[in-house]
Amino acid sequence: MFTGIIEETGKVQEFVPNSTGARLRIGCSLVRQDLNVGDSISVNGVCLTAVDLQADSFAADLAPETLSRSNLGSLSAGSEVNLERSMAANGRYSGHIVQGHVDGTGELLALDLLGDENWWLTIRVPPELDRYIVSKGSICIDGISLTVAALEGDRLSVTIIPHTYSLTAMRTWTRDRRVNLEVDVIAKYVEKMMAART
């Protein structure tokens, strides 16, 4: 389990497709310090299993489901990614409950500077996720825990503070980019429980 608080950005060193998916190697420093083989790590909001550890990198295998449901299949050498280690039992819950189970991808429509290094991010959301998103609710975008500031049709917007912008891969994003979306898991549980009562 994760919190959506990005610890560092890493750089893709290799992306190697194979007959059953792909293998990804990511260069990093902070998250590598206490990472062990088999540990869960969030890469752009996708929970992966660390394997083949090197001094300054780790690898992870990507299943076909991961490639089809997330934006990891569009990565290449040099791509910058958001990284977060799984939450320790004695850690602080600074973000929200993030499982690393991406529900789908959205389309980046705009990332506009508001002033004073604050930004306004607008994403087009797929219709099947719309019912789980509420104003002032939590949303995970490429592994970043964010608060929904506005909803208008199939668009959601969030305010990005200078700290988030400077410490995440968001500063490299461009229009039309696919972003990984994970909706609040509590909304999905509530929907299922309410459906069972009818």
C-alpha atoms as a PDB file:
ATOM      1  CA  MET A   1       0.000   0.000   0.000  1.00  0.00           C
ATOM      2  CA  PHE A   2       1.110   3.544  -0.784  1.00  0.00           C
ATOM      3  CA  THR A   3       0.148   7.110   0.123  1.00  0.00           C
ATOM      4  CA  GLY A   4       0.686   8.974  -3.142  1.00  0.00           C
ATOM      5  CA  ILE A   5       3.523  11.054  -1.702  1.00  0.00           C
ATOM      6  CA  ILE A   6       6.320  10.819  -4.268  1.00  0.00           C
ATOM      7  CA  GLU A   7       9.747  10.202  -2.742  1.00  0.00           C
ATOM      8  CA  GLU A   8      11.846  10.830  -5.831  1.00  0.00           C
ATOM      9  CA  THR A   9      11.818  10.675  -9.584  1.00  0.00           C
ATOM     10  CA  GLY A  10      13.793   8.014 -11.386  1.00  0.00           C
ATOM     11  CA  LYS A  11      14.907   7.635 -14.986  1.00  0.00           C
ATOM     12  CA  VAL A  12      14.137   4.682 -17.199  1.00  0.00           C
ATOM     13  CA  GLN A  13      17.395   3.049 -18.225  1.00  0.00           C
ATOM     14  CA  GLU A  14      15.891   0.228 -20.276  1.00  0.00           C
ATOM     15  CA  PHE A  15      12.507  -0.886 -21.528  1.00  0.00           C
ATOM     16  CA  VAL A  16      12.737  -4.372 -23.032  1.00  0.00           C
ATOM     17  CA  PRO A  17       9.586  -5.965 -24.500  1.00  0.00           C
ATOM     18  CA  ASN A  18       9.354  -9.751 -24.355  1.00  0.00           C
ATOM     19  CA  SER A  19       6.835 -12.427 -25.293  1.00  0.00           C
ATOM     20  CA  THR A  20       4.909 -12.058 -22.024  1.00  0.00           C
ATOM     21  CA  GLY A  21       5.123  -8.309 -21.404  1.00  0.00           C
ATOM     22  CA  ALA A  22       8.264  -6.277 -20.748  1.00  0.00           C
ATOM     23  CA  ARG A  23      11.083  -5.643 -18.303  1.00  0.00           C
ATOM     24  CA  LEU A  24      11.732  -2.134 -17.058  1.00  0.00           C
ATOM     25  CA  ARG A  25      14.947  -0.896 -15.427  1.00  0.00           C
ATOM     26  CA  ILE A  26      14.870   2.355 -13.479  1.00  0.00           C
ATOM     27  CA  GLY A  27      17.809   4.356 -12.177  1.00  0.00           C
ATOM     28  CA  CYS A  28      17.265   5.927  -8.745  1.00  0.00           C
ATOM     29  CA  SER A  29      19.005   6.662  -5.448  1.00  0.00           C
ATOM     30  CA  LEU A  30      16.714   7.326  -2.464  1.00  0.00           C
ATOM     31  CA  VAL A  31      14.212   4.502  -2.952  1.00  0.00           C
ATOM     32  CA  ARG A  32      17.037   2.069  -3.743  1.00  0.00           C
ATOM     33  CA  GLN A  33      18.647   2.506  -0.294  1.00  0.00           C
ATOM     34  CA  ASP A  34      16.539  -0.077   1.564  1.00  0.00           C
ATOM     35  CA  LEU A  35      14.840  -1.787  -1.370  1.00  0.00           C
ATOM     36  CA  ASN A  36      14.963  -5.588  -1.372  1.00  0.00           C
ATOM     37  CA  VAL A  37      14.133  -8.130  -4.049  1.00  0.00           C
ATOM     38  CA  GLY A  38      10.398  -8.790  -3.907  1.00  0.00           C
ATOM     39  CA  ASP A  39       9.482  -5.423  -2.379  1.00  0.00           C
ATOM     40  CA  SER A  40       6.559  -3.476  -3.816  1.00  0.00           C
ATOM     41  CA  ILE A  41       7.344  -0.130  -5.390  1.00  0.00           C
ATOM     42  CA  SER A  42       5.061   2.368  -7.078  1.00  0.00           C
ATOM     43  CA  VAL A  43       6.189   3.510 -10.529  1.00  0.00           C
ATOM     44  CA  ASN A  44       3.902   6.232 -11.903  1.00  0.00           C
ATOM     45  CA  GLY A  45       1.265   4.887  -9.539  1.00  0.00           C
ATOM     46  CA  VAL A  46       1.582   1.254 -10.630  1.00  0.00           C
ATOM     47  CA  CYS A  47       2.506  -1.277  -7.941  1.00  0.00           C
ATOM     48  CA  LEU A  48       5.442  -3.310  -9.263  1.00  0.00           C
ATOM     49  CA  THR A  49       7.763  -5.902  -7.726  1.00  0.00           C
ATOM     50  CA  ALA A  50      11.442  -4.983  -7.519  1.00  0.00           C
ATOM     51  CA  VAL A  51      13.847  -7.545  -9.000  1.00  0.00           C
ATOM     52  CA  ASP A  52      17.466  -7.628 -10.208  1.00  0.00           C
ATOM     53  CA  LEU A  53      18.764  -4.920  -7.887  1.00  0.00           C
ATOM     54  CA  GLN A  54      21.893  -3.010  -8.857  1.00  0.00           C
ATOM     55  CA  ALA A  55      23.730  -0.330  -6.867  1.00  0.00           C
ATOM     56  CA  ASP A  56      21.768   2.519  -8.422  1.00  0.00           C
ATOM     57  CA  SER A  57      18.798   0.834 -10.082  1.00  0.00           C
ATOM     58  CA  PHE A  58      16.147  -1.856  -9.934  1.00  0.00           C
ATOM     59  CA  ALA A  59      14.193  -3.798 -12.525  1.00  0.00           C
ATOM     60  CA  ALA A  60      10.526  -4.802 -12.626  1.00  0.00           C
ATOM     61  CA  ASP A  61       8.558  -7.109 -14.894  1.00  0.00           C
ATOM     62  CA  LEU A  62       5.424  -5.763 -16.577  1.00  0.00           C
ATOM     63  CA  ALA A  63       2.537  -8.118 -17.307  1.00  0.00           C
ATOM     64  CA  PRO A  64       0.295  -7.626 -20.368  1.00  0.00           C
ATOM     65  CA  GLU A  65      -2.501  -6.347 -18.070  1.00  0.00           C
ATOM     66  CA  THR A  66      -0.154  -3.696 -16.671  1.00  0.00           C
ATOM     67  CA  LEU A  67       0.852  -2.590 -20.158  1.00  0.00           C
ATOM     68  CA  SER A  68      -2.740  -2.351 -21.382  1.00  0.00           C
ATOM     69  CA  ARG A  69      -4.186  -0.570 -18.338  1.00  0.00           C
ATOM     70  CA  SER A  70      -1.402   1.943 -17.607  1.00  0.00           C
ATOM     71  CA  ASN A  71       0.974   4.309 -19.387  1.00  0.00           C
ATOM     72  CA  LEU A  72       4.062   2.221 -18.586  1.00  0.00           C
ATOM     73  CA  GLY A  73       4.089   0.740 -22.095  1.00  0.00           C
ATOM     74  CA  SER A  74       4.872   4.178 -23.528  1.00  0.00           C
ATOM     75  CA  LEU A  75       8.056   4.583 -21.478  1.00  0.00           C
ATOM     76  CA  SER A  76      11.481   4.563 -23.110  1.00  0.00           C
ATOM     77  CA  ALA A  77      15.073   5.130 -22.031  1.00  0.00           C
ATOM     78  CA  GLY A  78      15.320   8.576 -20.444  1.00  0.00           C
ATOM     79  CA  SER A  79      11.659   8.826 -19.392  1.00  0.00           C
ATOM     80  CA  GLU A  80      11.237  10.309 -15.928  1.00  0.00           C
ATOM     81  CA  VAL A  81       8.956   8.411 -13.522  1.00  0.00           C
ATOM     82  CA  ASN A  82       7.459   9.010 -10.071  1.00  0.00           C
ATOM     83  CA  LEU A  83       8.653   6.582  -7.385  1.00  0.00           C
ATOM     84  CA  GLU A  84       7.327   5.687  -3.946  1.00  0.00           C
ATOM     85  CA  ARG A  85       8.227   2.785  -1.678  1.00  0.00           C
ATOM     86  CA  SER A  86       5.408   0.905   0.016  1.00  0.00           C
ATOM     87  CA  MET A  87       4.306   2.428   3.288  1.00  0.00           C
ATOM     88  CA  ALA A  88       6.002   1.209   6.460  1.00  0.00           C
ATOM     89  CA  ALA A  89       3.708   0.230   9.351  1.00  0.00           C
ATOM     90  CA  ASN A  90       5.104   3.080  11.451  1.00  0.00           C
ATOM     91  CA  GLY A  91       4.902   5.668   8.656  1.00  0.00           C
ATOM     92  CA  ARG A  92       2.758   8.789   8.428  1.00  0.00           C
ATOM     93  CA  TYR A  93      -0.285   8.759   6.179  1.00  0.00           C
ATOM     94  CA  SER A  94       0.355  12.056   4.424  1.00  0.00           C
ATOM     95  CA  GLY A  95      -1.639  11.357   1.242  1.00  0.00           C
ATOM     96  CA  HIS A  96      -4.540   8.914   0.929  1.00  0.00           C
ATOM     97  CA  ILE A  97      -4.989   5.149   0.522  1.00  0.00           C
ATOM     98  CA  VAL A  98      -3.303   4.241  -2.764  1.00  0.00           C
ATOM     99  CA  GLN A  99      -3.129   0.601  -3.781  1.00  0.00           C
ATOM    100  CA  GLY A 100      -1.076   0.962  -6.932  1.00  0.00           C
ATOM    101  CA  HIS A 101      -3.890  -0.733  -8.876  1.00  0.00           C
ATOM    102  CA  VAL A 102      -4.450   1.644 -11.790  1.00  0.00           C
ATOM    103  CA  ASP A 103      -8.113   1.878 -12.847  1.00  0.00           C
ATOM    104  CA  GLY A 104      -7.398   3.421 -16.248  1.00  0.00           C
ATOM    105  CA  THR A 105      -5.693   6.287 -17.990  1.00  0.00           C
ATOM    106  CA  GLY A 106      -6.756   9.855 -18.596  1.00  0.00           C
ATOM    107  CA  GLU A 107      -5.599  12.436 -21.113  1.00  0.00           C
ATOM    108  CA  LEU A 108      -3.681  15.514 -20.048  1.00  0.00           C
ATOM    109  CA  LEU A 109      -5.558  18.468 -21.533  1.00  0.00           C
ATOM    110  CA  ALA A 110      -3.734  21.360 -19.894  1.00  0.00           C
ATOM    111  CA  LEU A 111      -1.116  22.237 -17.307  1.00  0.00           C
ATOM    112  CA  ASP A 112      -1.406  25.991 -16.892  1.00  0.00           C
ATOM    113  CA  LEU A 113       0.684  28.255 -14.696  1.00  0.00           C
ATOM    114  CA  LEU A 114      -1.532  30.132 -12.239  1.00  0.00           C
ATOM    115  CA  GLY A 115       1.254  32.273 -10.776  1.00  0.00           C
ATOM    116  CA  ASP A 116       3.678  32.017  -7.869  1.00  0.00           C
ATOM    117  CA  GLU A 117       4.733  28.591  -9.209  1.00  0.00           C
ATOM    118  CA  ASN A 118       1.248  27.116  -8.728  1.00  0.00           C
ATOM    119  CA  TRP A 119      -0.319  25.164 -11.592  1.00  0.00           C
ATOM    120  CA  TRP A 120      -3.814  24.118 -12.757  1.00  0.00           C
ATOM    121  CA  LEU A 121      -3.882  20.571 -14.146  1.00  0.00           C
ATOM    122  CA  THR A 122      -6.849  19.424 -16.270  1.00  0.00           C
ATOM    123  CA  ILE A 123      -7.362  15.778 -17.205  1.00  0.00           C
ATOM    124  CA  ARG A 124      -9.998  14.098 -19.399  1.00  0.00           C
ATOM    125  CA  VAL A 125     -11.363  11.131 -17.443  1.00  0.00           C
ATOM    126  CA  PRO A 126     -12.709   7.951 -19.069  1.00  0.00           C
ATOM    127  CA  PRO A 127     -16.499   7.583 -18.596  1.00  0.00           C
ATOM    128  CA  GLU A 128     -16.232   4.398 -16.528  1.00  0.00           C
ATOM    129  CA  LEU A 129     -14.300   6.225 -13.787  1.00  0.00           C
ATOM    130  CA  ASP A 130     -16.423   9.372 -13.604  1.00  0.00           C
ATOM    131  CA  ARG A 131     -18.850   8.033 -10.978  1.00  0.00           C
ATOM    132  CA  TYR A 132     -16.014   7.494  -8.464  1.00  0.00           C
ATOM    133  CA  ILE A 133     -14.703  11.067  -8.587  1.00  0.00           C
ATOM    134  CA  VAL A 134     -16.140  13.843  -6.421  1.00  0.00           C
ATOM    135  CA  SER A 135     -15.213  17.447  -5.810  1.00  0.00           C
ATOM    136  CA  LYS A 136     -12.725  17.736  -2.933  1.00  0.00           C
ATOM    137  CA  GLY A 137     -12.208  13.959  -3.067  1.00  0.00           C
ATOM    138  CA  SER A 138      -8.894  12.178  -3.539  1.00  0.00           C
ATOM    139  CA  ILE A 139      -7.496  11.041  -6.887  1.00  0.00           C
ATOM    140  CA  CYS A 140      -4.134   9.458  -7.677  1.00  0.00           C
ATOM    141  CA  ILE A 141      -2.578  10.721 -10.933  1.00  0.00           C
ATOM    142  CA  ASP A 142       0.630   8.968 -12.002  1.00  0.00           C
ATOM    143  CA  GLY A 143       1.179   7.997  -8.366  1.00  0.00           C
ATOM    144  CA  ILE A 144       0.605  11.496  -6.953  1.00  0.00           C
ATOM    145  CA  SER A 145      -2.077  11.933  -4.292  1.00  0.00           C
ATOM    146  CA  LEU A 146      -4.137  14.978  -5.306  1.00  0.00           C
ATOM    147  CA  THR A 147      -7.400  16.654  -4.328  1.00  0.00           C
ATOM    148  CA  VAL A 148     -10.065  17.235  -6.974  1.00  0.00           C
ATOM    149  CA  ALA A 149     -10.598  20.993  -7.250  1.00  0.00           C
ATOM    150  CA  ALA A 150     -13.161  21.075 -10.068  1.00  0.00           C
ATOM    151  CA  LEU A 151     -15.315  18.707 -12.126  1.00  0.00           C
ATOM    152  CA  GLU A 152     -16.895  19.688 -15.413  1.00  0.00           C
ATOM    153  CA  GLY A 153     -18.289  16.971 -17.670  1.00  0.00           C
ATOM    154  CA  ASP A 154     -15.513  14.492 -18.404  1.00  0.00           C
ATOM    155  CA  ARG A 155     -12.817  16.829 -17.063  1.00  0.00           C
ATOM    156  CA  LEU A 156     -11.277  17.004 -13.628  1.00  0.00           C
ATOM    157  CA  SER A 157      -8.922  19.701 -12.462  1.00  0.00           C
ATOM    158  CA  VAL A 158      -6.505  19.881  -9.562  1.00  0.00           C
ATOM    159  CA  THR A 159      -4.252  22.604  -8.210  1.00  0.00           C
ATOM    160  CA  ILE A 160      -0.570  21.753  -8.166  1.00  0.00           C
ATOM    161  CA  ILE A 161       1.555  23.459  -5.520  1.00  0.00           C
ATOM    162  CA  PRO A 162       5.215  24.364  -6.192  1.00  0.00           C
ATOM    163  CA  HIS A 163       6.515  21.511  -4.001  1.00  0.00           C
ATOM    164  CA  THR A 164       4.586  18.859  -5.961  1.00  0.00           C
ATOM    165  CA  TYR A 165       5.516  20.316  -9.327  1.00  0.00           C
ATOM    166  CA  SER A 166       9.234  20.532  -8.560  1.00  0.00           C
ATOM    167  CA  LEU A 167       9.599  17.099  -6.934  1.00  0.00           C
ATOM    168  CA  THR A 168       7.644  14.960  -9.400  1.00  0.00           C
ATOM    169  CA  ALA A 169       7.923  14.020 -13.071  1.00  0.00           C
ATOM    170  CA  MET A 170       4.990  16.363 -13.734  1.00  0.00           C
ATOM    171  CA  ARG A 171       7.448  19.059 -14.809  1.00  0.00           C
ATOM    172  CA  THR A 172       8.213  16.936 -17.912  1.00  0.00           C
ATOM    173  CA  TRP A 173       4.573  16.348 -18.922  1.00  0.00           C
ATOM    174  CA  THR A 174       3.173  17.603 -22.214  1.00  0.00           C
ATOM    175  CA  ARG A 175      -0.332  17.952 -23.617  1.00  0.00           C
ATOM    176  CA  ASP A 176      -2.108  14.734 -24.730  1.00  0.00           C
ATOM    177  CA  ARG A 177       0.044  12.596 -22.442  1.00  0.00           C
ATOM    178  CA  ARG A 178      -1.682   9.551 -20.960  1.00  0.00           C
ATOM    179  CA  VAL A 179      -1.695   9.642 -17.155  1.00  0.00           C
ATOM    180  CA  ASN A 180      -2.440   6.752 -14.817  1.00  0.00           C
ATOM    181  CA  LEU A 181      -5.560   7.199 -12.699  1.00  0.00           C
ATOM    182  CA  GLU A 182      -6.496   5.380  -9.507  1.00  0.00           C
ATOM    183  CA  VAL A 183      -9.785   6.441  -7.971  1.00  0.00           C
ATOM    184  CA  ASP A 184     -10.474   6.347  -4.243  1.00  0.00           C
ATOM    185  CA  VAL A 185     -10.951   2.668  -3.343  1.00  0.00           C
ATOM    186  CA  ILE A 186     -13.535   3.623  -0.695  1.00  0.00           C
ATOM    187  CA  ALA A 187     -15.881   4.855  -3.448  1.00  0.00           C
ATOM    188  CA  LYS A 188     -15.731   1.454  -5.155  1.00  0.00           C
ATOM    189  CA  TYR A 189     -16.524  -0.393  -1.926  1.00  0.00           C
ATOM    190  CA  VAL A 190     -19.453   1.920  -1.196  1.00  0.00           C
ATOM    191  CA  GLU A 191     -20.842   1.340  -4.704  1.00  0.00           C
ATOM    192  CA  LYS A 192     -20.695  -2.445  -4.264  1.00  0.00           C
ATOM    193  CA  MET A 193     -22.314  -2.353  -0.825  1.00  0.00           C
ATOM    194  CA  MET A 194     -25.117  -0.083  -2.023  1.00  0.00           C
ATOM    195  CA  ALA A 195     -25.758  -2.315  -5.061  1.00  0.00           C
ATOM    196  CA  ALA A 196     -26.108  -5.328  -2.754  1.00  0.00           C
ATOM    197  CA  ARG A 197     -28.909  -3.557  -0.836  1.00  0.00           C
ATOM    198  CA  THR A 198     -31.144  -3.061  -3.893  1.00  0.00           C
END
